[in-house]
Amino acid sequence: MQTTSDDVLIGRIAKGDRLAMQVLFARHHVRVYRFVLRLVRNEATAEDLISEVFLDVWRQAGKFEGRSQVSTWLLSIARFKALSAMRKRTDKELDDETAEAVVDTSDDPEVSLAKKNKSEVLRQCLTALSPEHREIIDLVYYHEKSVEEVAGIVGIPEATVKTRMFYARKKLAEVLKQNGIDRGWP
């Protein structure tokens, strides 16, 4: 069962095969969780959404048409759920008085760079990107999705994916340079 393709697993899940569901979950839950966590930035919410994603897979496996990879389908479901959850958020905004009372205990840039390795700095710099650009970078570089697959997941034309990638990389290069990293990634 471990070597069974995702497409075969989906077919078996559609017929109610619980073992196939367990294998699919074991194979993809970490990747989908990390993707959702990067969007919602809350571990508890991400865990709840992962449960919903795989519950949808269990219920909707028979509707999977195979026009994309199963992993792409999973990320599409996850993205939709994450965006819906973010729209429903009821977090209160800080008022000016409360925001001014918060003490900034963060290190200065030199100390931060001394403490972190380059990959941690890169992850930090990714937060400076817009959500749209961060999402594209995440799907392409962390989830190794093609431009075509990203277009399907996000629901935008491939040309738009390419444009967002261009501007995201440009902005990321600027932010990295501001943080003392100028090319030369070993």
C-alpha atoms as a PDB file:
ATOM      1  CA  MET A   1       0.000   0.000   0.000  1.00  0.00           C
ATOM      2  CA  GLN A   2       2.968   2.325   0.691  1.00  0.00           C
ATOM      3  CA  THR A   3       4.006   2.280  -2.996  1.00  0.00           C
ATOM      4  CA  THR A   4       0.488   2.682  -4.371  1.00  0.00           C
ATOM      5  CA  SER A   5       0.050   5.843  -6.454  1.00  0.00           C
ATOM      6  CA  ASP A   6      -2.045   8.698  -5.112  1.00  0.00           C
ATOM      7  CA  ASP A   7      -4.536   8.276  -7.971  1.00  0.00           C
ATOM      8  CA  VAL A   8      -5.117   4.635  -7.028  1.00  0.00           C
ATOM      9  CA  LEU A   9      -5.486   5.625  -3.376  1.00  0.00           C
ATOM     10  CA  ILE A  10      -8.147   8.205  -4.288  1.00  0.00           C
ATOM     11  CA  GLY A  11     -10.038   5.551  -6.238  1.00  0.00           C
ATOM     12  CA  ARG A  12      -9.928   3.226  -3.250  1.00  0.00           C
ATOM     13  CA  ILE A  13     -10.950   6.031  -0.881  1.00  0.00           C
ATOM     14  CA  ALA A  14     -13.954   6.707  -3.118  1.00  0.00           C
ATOM     15  CA  LYS A  15     -14.997   3.096  -2.437  1.00  0.00           C
ATOM     16  CA  GLY A  16     -14.651   3.596   1.332  1.00  0.00           C
ATOM     17  CA  ASP A  17     -11.177   2.084   1.872  1.00  0.00           C
ATOM     18  CA  ARG A  18     -10.004   3.440   5.244  1.00  0.00           C
ATOM     19  CA  LEU A  19      -6.485   2.049   4.889  1.00  0.00           C
ATOM     20  CA  ALA A  20      -6.058   3.953   1.620  1.00  0.00           C
ATOM     21  CA  MET A  21      -7.185   7.104   3.445  1.00  0.00           C
ATOM     22  CA  GLN A  22      -4.636   6.492   6.189  1.00  0.00           C
ATOM     23  CA  VAL A  23      -1.856   6.055   3.642  1.00  0.00           C
ATOM     24  CA  LEU A  24      -2.841   9.219   1.749  1.00  0.00           C
ATOM     25  CA  PHE A  25      -3.024  11.173   5.006  1.00  0.00           C
ATOM     26  CA  ALA A  26       0.374   9.884   6.174  1.00  0.00           C
ATOM     27  CA  ARG A  27       1.884  10.766   2.811  1.00  0.00           C
ATOM     28  CA  HIS A  28       0.568  14.331   2.524  1.00  0.00           C
ATOM     29  CA  HIS A  29      -0.556  15.731   5.869  1.00  0.00           C
ATOM     30  CA  VAL A  30       2.764  17.366   6.828  1.00  0.00           C
ATOM     31  CA  ARG A  31       3.119  19.188   3.505  1.00  0.00           C
ATOM     32  CA  VAL A  32      -0.495  20.349   3.534  1.00  0.00           C
ATOM     33  CA  TYR A  33      -0.234  21.399   7.201  1.00  0.00           C
ATOM     34  CA  ARG A  34       2.868  23.513   6.508  1.00  0.00           C
ATOM     35  CA  PHE A  35       1.165  25.148   3.533  1.00  0.00           C
ATOM     36  CA  VAL A  36      -1.935  26.009   5.581  1.00  0.00           C
ATOM     37  CA  LEU A  37       0.166  27.188   8.529  1.00  0.00           C
ATOM     38  CA  ARG A  38       2.019  29.635   6.291  1.00  0.00           C
ATOM     39  CA  LEU A  39      -1.323  31.072   5.212  1.00  0.00           C
ATOM     40  CA  VAL A  40      -3.195  31.249   8.519  1.00  0.00           C
ATOM     41  CA  ARG A  41      -0.192  31.649  10.855  1.00  0.00           C
ATOM     42  CA  ASN A  42      -1.922  29.853  13.700  1.00  0.00           C
ATOM     43  CA  GLU A  43      -1.094  26.251  14.606  1.00  0.00           C
ATOM     44  CA  ALA A  44      -4.474  25.392  16.119  1.00  0.00           C
ATOM     45  CA  THR A  45      -6.336  26.791  13.131  1.00  0.00           C
ATOM     46  CA  ALA A  46      -4.006  24.962  10.745  1.00  0.00           C
ATOM     47  CA  GLU A  47      -4.611  21.663  12.552  1.00  0.00           C
ATOM     48  CA  ASP A  48      -8.375  22.165  12.392  1.00  0.00           C
ATOM     49  CA  LEU A  49      -8.200  22.982   8.702  1.00  0.00           C
ATOM     50  CA  ILE A  50      -6.100  19.896   7.951  1.00  0.00           C
ATOM     51  CA  SER A  51      -8.816  17.757   9.510  1.00  0.00           C
ATOM     52  CA  GLU A  52     -11.390  19.479   7.319  1.00  0.00           C
ATOM     53  CA  VAL A  53      -9.255  19.029   4.189  1.00  0.00           C
ATOM     54  CA  PHE A  54      -8.890  15.298   4.652  1.00  0.00           C
ATOM     55  CA  LEU A  55     -12.533  14.945   5.663  1.00  0.00           C
ATOM     56  CA  ASP A  56     -13.411  16.591   2.342  1.00  0.00           C
ATOM     57  CA  VAL A  57     -11.077  14.162   0.560  1.00  0.00           C
ATOM     58  CA  TRP A  58     -12.906  11.259   2.218  1.00  0.00           C
ATOM     59  CA  ARG A  59     -16.284  12.653   1.180  1.00  0.00           C
ATOM     60  CA  GLN A  60     -15.325  13.905  -2.295  1.00  0.00           C
ATOM     61  CA  ALA A  61     -12.827  11.292  -3.523  1.00  0.00           C
ATOM     62  CA  GLY A  62     -15.358  10.018  -6.046  1.00  0.00           C
ATOM     63  CA  LYS A  63     -15.522  13.480  -7.620  1.00  0.00           C
ATOM     64  CA  PHE A  64     -11.747  13.699  -8.216  1.00  0.00           C
ATOM     65  CA  GLU A  65     -11.351  13.899 -11.995  1.00  0.00           C
ATOM     66  CA  GLY A  66      -7.598  13.368 -12.212  1.00  0.00           C
ATOM     67  CA  ARG A  67      -6.971  16.573 -14.166  1.00  0.00           C
ATOM     68  CA  SER A  68      -4.154  17.417 -11.745  1.00  0.00           C
ATOM     69  CA  GLN A  69      -1.936  15.585  -9.312  1.00  0.00           C
ATOM     70  CA  VAL A  70      -3.587  14.531  -6.070  1.00  0.00           C
ATOM     71  CA  SER A  71      -1.152  16.746  -4.140  1.00  0.00           C
ATOM     72  CA  THR A  72      -2.279  19.726  -6.231  1.00  0.00           C
ATOM     73  CA  TRP A  73      -5.913  18.890  -5.493  1.00  0.00           C
ATOM     74  CA  LEU A  74      -5.153  18.648  -1.770  1.00  0.00           C
ATOM     75  CA  LEU A  75      -3.392  22.020  -1.766  1.00  0.00           C
ATOM     76  CA  SER A  76      -6.327  23.573  -3.656  1.00  0.00           C
ATOM     77  CA  ILE A  77      -8.763  22.336  -1.033  1.00  0.00           C
ATOM     78  CA  ALA A  78      -6.430  23.496   1.735  1.00  0.00           C
ATOM     79  CA  ARG A  79      -6.014  26.938   0.188  1.00  0.00           C
ATOM     80  CA  PHE A  80      -9.767  27.415  -0.148  1.00  0.00           C
ATOM     81  CA  LYS A  81     -10.314  26.385   3.471  1.00  0.00           C
ATOM     82  CA  ALA A  82      -7.493  28.618   4.728  1.00  0.00           C
ATOM     83  CA  LEU A  83      -8.766  31.659   2.846  1.00  0.00           C
ATOM     84  CA  SER A  84     -12.282  31.032   4.137  1.00  0.00           C
ATOM     85  CA  ALA A  85     -10.990  30.743   7.697  1.00  0.00           C
ATOM     86  CA  MET A  86      -8.998  33.955   7.351  1.00  0.00           C
ATOM     87  CA  ARG A  87     -12.104  35.810   6.154  1.00  0.00           C
ATOM     88  CA  LYS A  88     -14.021  34.601   9.223  1.00  0.00           C
ATOM     89  CA  ARG A  89     -11.347  35.701  11.698  1.00  0.00           C
ATOM     90  CA  THR A  90     -12.639  37.895  14.446  1.00  0.00           C
ATOM     91  CA  ASP A  91      -9.272  38.917  15.861  1.00  0.00           C
ATOM     92  CA  LYS A  92      -9.411  42.428  17.255  1.00  0.00           C
ATOM     93  CA  GLU A  93      -7.095  45.044  15.866  1.00  0.00           C
ATOM     94  CA  LEU A  94      -4.813  46.821  18.320  1.00  0.00           C
ATOM     95  CA  ASP A  95      -5.817  50.360  19.044  1.00  0.00           C
ATOM     96  CA  ASP A  96      -3.086  53.023  18.964  1.00  0.00           C
ATOM     97  CA  GLU A  97      -2.800  53.268  22.740  1.00  0.00           C
ATOM     98  CA  THR A  98      -2.354  49.519  23.212  1.00  0.00           C
ATOM     99  CA  ALA A  99       0.097  49.303  20.320  1.00  0.00           C
ATOM    100  CA  GLU A 100       2.258  52.076  21.794  1.00  0.00           C
ATOM    101  CA  ALA A 101       2.322  50.319  25.164  1.00  0.00           C
ATOM    102  CA  VAL A 102       3.841  47.161  23.679  1.00  0.00           C
ATOM    103  CA  VAL A 103       7.543  47.049  24.474  1.00  0.00           C
ATOM    104  CA  ASP A 104       9.820  46.150  21.553  1.00  0.00           C
ATOM    105  CA  THR A 105      12.157  43.534  22.984  1.00  0.00           C
ATOM    106  CA  SER A 106      13.468  42.352  19.619  1.00  0.00           C
ATOM    107  CA  ASP A 107      17.164  42.288  18.833  1.00  0.00           C
ATOM    108  CA  ASP A 108      18.697  44.829  16.522  1.00  0.00           C
ATOM    109  CA  PRO A 109      19.404  43.615  12.957  1.00  0.00           C
ATOM    110  CA  GLU A 110      23.072  42.775  13.610  1.00  0.00           C
ATOM    111  CA  VAL A 111      22.289  40.600  16.624  1.00  0.00           C
ATOM    112  CA  SER A 112      19.434  38.896  14.774  1.00  0.00           C
ATOM    113  CA  LEU A 113      21.646  38.039  11.837  1.00  0.00           C
ATOM    114  CA  ALA A 114      24.342  36.738  14.147  1.00  0.00           C
ATOM    115  CA  LYS A 115      21.835  34.384  15.791  1.00  0.00           C
ATOM    116  CA  LYS A 116      20.172  33.024  12.681  1.00  0.00           C
ATOM    117  CA  ASN A 117      21.469  31.033   9.785  1.00  0.00           C
ATOM    118  CA  LYS A 118      20.667  32.014   6.227  1.00  0.00           C
ATOM    119  CA  SER A 119      17.631  29.788   5.798  1.00  0.00           C
ATOM    120  CA  GLU A 120      16.011  31.262   8.908  1.00  0.00           C
ATOM    121  CA  VAL A 121      16.709  34.765   7.639  1.00  0.00           C
ATOM    122  CA  LEU A 122      15.144  33.818   4.318  1.00  0.00           C
ATOM    123  CA  ARG A 123      11.988  32.541   6.028  1.00  0.00           C
ATOM    124  CA  GLN A 124      11.801  35.770   7.999  1.00  0.00           C
ATOM    125  CA  CYS A 125      12.236  37.854   4.852  1.00  0.00           C
ATOM    126  CA  LEU A 126       9.426  35.962   3.164  1.00  0.00           C
ATOM    127  CA  THR A 127       7.016  37.581   5.619  1.00  0.00           C
ATOM    128  CA  ALA A 128       7.793  40.951   4.015  1.00  0.00           C
ATOM    129  CA  LEU A 129       6.149  39.767   0.796  1.00  0.00           C
ATOM    130  CA  SER A 130       2.480  40.320   0.111  1.00  0.00           C
ATOM    131  CA  PRO A 131       0.264  37.284   0.809  1.00  0.00           C
ATOM    132  CA  GLU A 132      -0.188  36.743  -2.952  1.00  0.00           C
ATOM    133  CA  HIS A 133       3.570  36.735  -3.605  1.00  0.00           C
ATOM    134  CA  ARG A 134       4.330  34.626  -0.516  1.00  0.00           C
ATOM    135  CA  GLU A 135       1.766  32.057  -1.626  1.00  0.00           C
ATOM    136  CA  ILE A 136       3.342  31.741  -5.086  1.00  0.00           C
ATOM    137  CA  ILE A 137       6.863  31.388  -3.649  1.00  0.00           C
ATOM    138  CA  ASP A 138       5.601  28.824  -1.148  1.00  0.00           C
ATOM    139  CA  LEU A 139       3.922  26.675  -3.789  1.00  0.00           C
ATOM    140  CA  VAL A 140       6.771  26.860  -6.318  1.00  0.00           C
ATOM    141  CA  TYR A 141       9.808  26.534  -4.066  1.00  0.00           C
ATOM    142  CA  TYR A 142       8.593  24.727  -0.955  1.00  0.00           C
ATOM    143  CA  HIS A 143       5.969  22.496  -2.555  1.00  0.00           C
ATOM    144  CA  GLU A 144       7.765  22.160  -5.907  1.00  0.00           C
ATOM    145  CA  LYS A 145       4.677  22.886  -7.974  1.00  0.00           C
ATOM    146  CA  SER A 146       4.926  23.901 -11.622  1.00  0.00           C
ATOM    147  CA  VAL A 147       3.583  27.216 -12.888  1.00  0.00           C
ATOM    148  CA  GLU A 148       0.664  25.326 -14.423  1.00  0.00           C
ATOM    149  CA  GLU A 149      -0.141  23.568 -11.142  1.00  0.00           C
ATOM    150  CA  VAL A 150       0.112  26.811  -9.156  1.00  0.00           C
ATOM    151  CA  ALA A 151      -2.278  28.473 -11.605  1.00  0.00           C
ATOM    152  CA  GLY A 152      -4.745  25.629 -10.980  1.00  0.00           C
ATOM    153  CA  ILE A 153      -4.392  25.776  -7.195  1.00  0.00           C
ATOM    154  CA  VAL A 154      -4.687  29.556  -6.916  1.00  0.00           C
ATOM    155  CA  GLY A 155      -7.191  29.942  -9.747  1.00  0.00           C
ATOM    156  CA  ILE A 156      -5.272  32.522 -11.784  1.00  0.00           C
ATOM    157  CA  PRO A 157      -3.750  32.459 -15.293  1.00  0.00           C
ATOM    158  CA  GLU A 158      -0.235  31.050 -15.729  1.00  0.00           C
ATOM    159  CA  ALA A 159       0.996  34.448 -16.931  1.00  0.00           C
ATOM    160  CA  THR A 160      -0.147  35.970 -13.644  1.00  0.00           C
ATOM    161  CA  VAL A 161       1.745  33.270 -11.723  1.00  0.00           C
ATOM    162  CA  LYS A 162       4.901  34.124 -13.683  1.00  0.00           C
ATOM    163  CA  THR A 163       4.434  37.845 -13.084  1.00  0.00           C
ATOM    164  CA  ARG A 164       3.908  37.331  -9.359  1.00  0.00           C
ATOM    165  CA  MET A 165       6.994  35.101  -9.208  1.00  0.00           C
ATOM    166  CA  PHE A 166       9.066  37.802 -10.924  1.00  0.00           C
ATOM    167  CA  TYR A 167       7.969  40.549  -8.538  1.00  0.00           C
ATOM    168  CA  ALA A 168       8.150  38.271  -5.491  1.00  0.00           C
ATOM    169  CA  ARG A 169      11.769  37.343  -6.291  1.00  0.00           C
ATOM    170  CA  LYS A 170      12.620  40.992  -6.927  1.00  0.00           C
ATOM    171  CA  LYS A 171      11.108  42.112  -3.606  1.00  0.00           C
ATOM    172  CA  LEU A 172      12.718  39.190  -1.774  1.00  0.00           C
ATOM    173  CA  ALA A 173      16.140  40.138  -3.174  1.00  0.00           C
ATOM    174  CA  GLU A 174      15.638  43.699  -1.883  1.00  0.00           C
ATOM    175  CA  VAL A 175      14.596  42.515   1.578  1.00  0.00           C
ATOM    176  CA  LEU A 176      17.494  40.059   1.776  1.00  0.00           C
ATOM    177  CA  LYS A 177      19.923  42.818   0.798  1.00  0.00           C
ATOM    178  CA  GLN A 178      18.474  45.046   3.528  1.00  0.00           C
ATOM    179  CA  ASN A 179      19.126  42.191   5.958  1.00  0.00           C
ATOM    180  CA  GLY A 180      22.756  41.879   4.936  1.00  0.00           C
ATOM    181  CA  ILE A 181      22.459  38.981   2.507  1.00  0.00           C
ATOM    182  CA  ASP A 182      23.488  39.878  -1.012  1.00  0.00           C
ATOM    183  CA  ARG A 183      23.501  36.816  -3.299  1.00  0.00           C
ATOM    184  CA  GLY A 184      26.054  34.071  -2.766  1.00  0.00           C
ATOM    185  CA  TRP A 185      23.817  31.383  -1.257  1.00  0.00           C
ATOM    186  CA  PRO A 186      26.106  28.370  -0.719  1.00  0.00           C
END
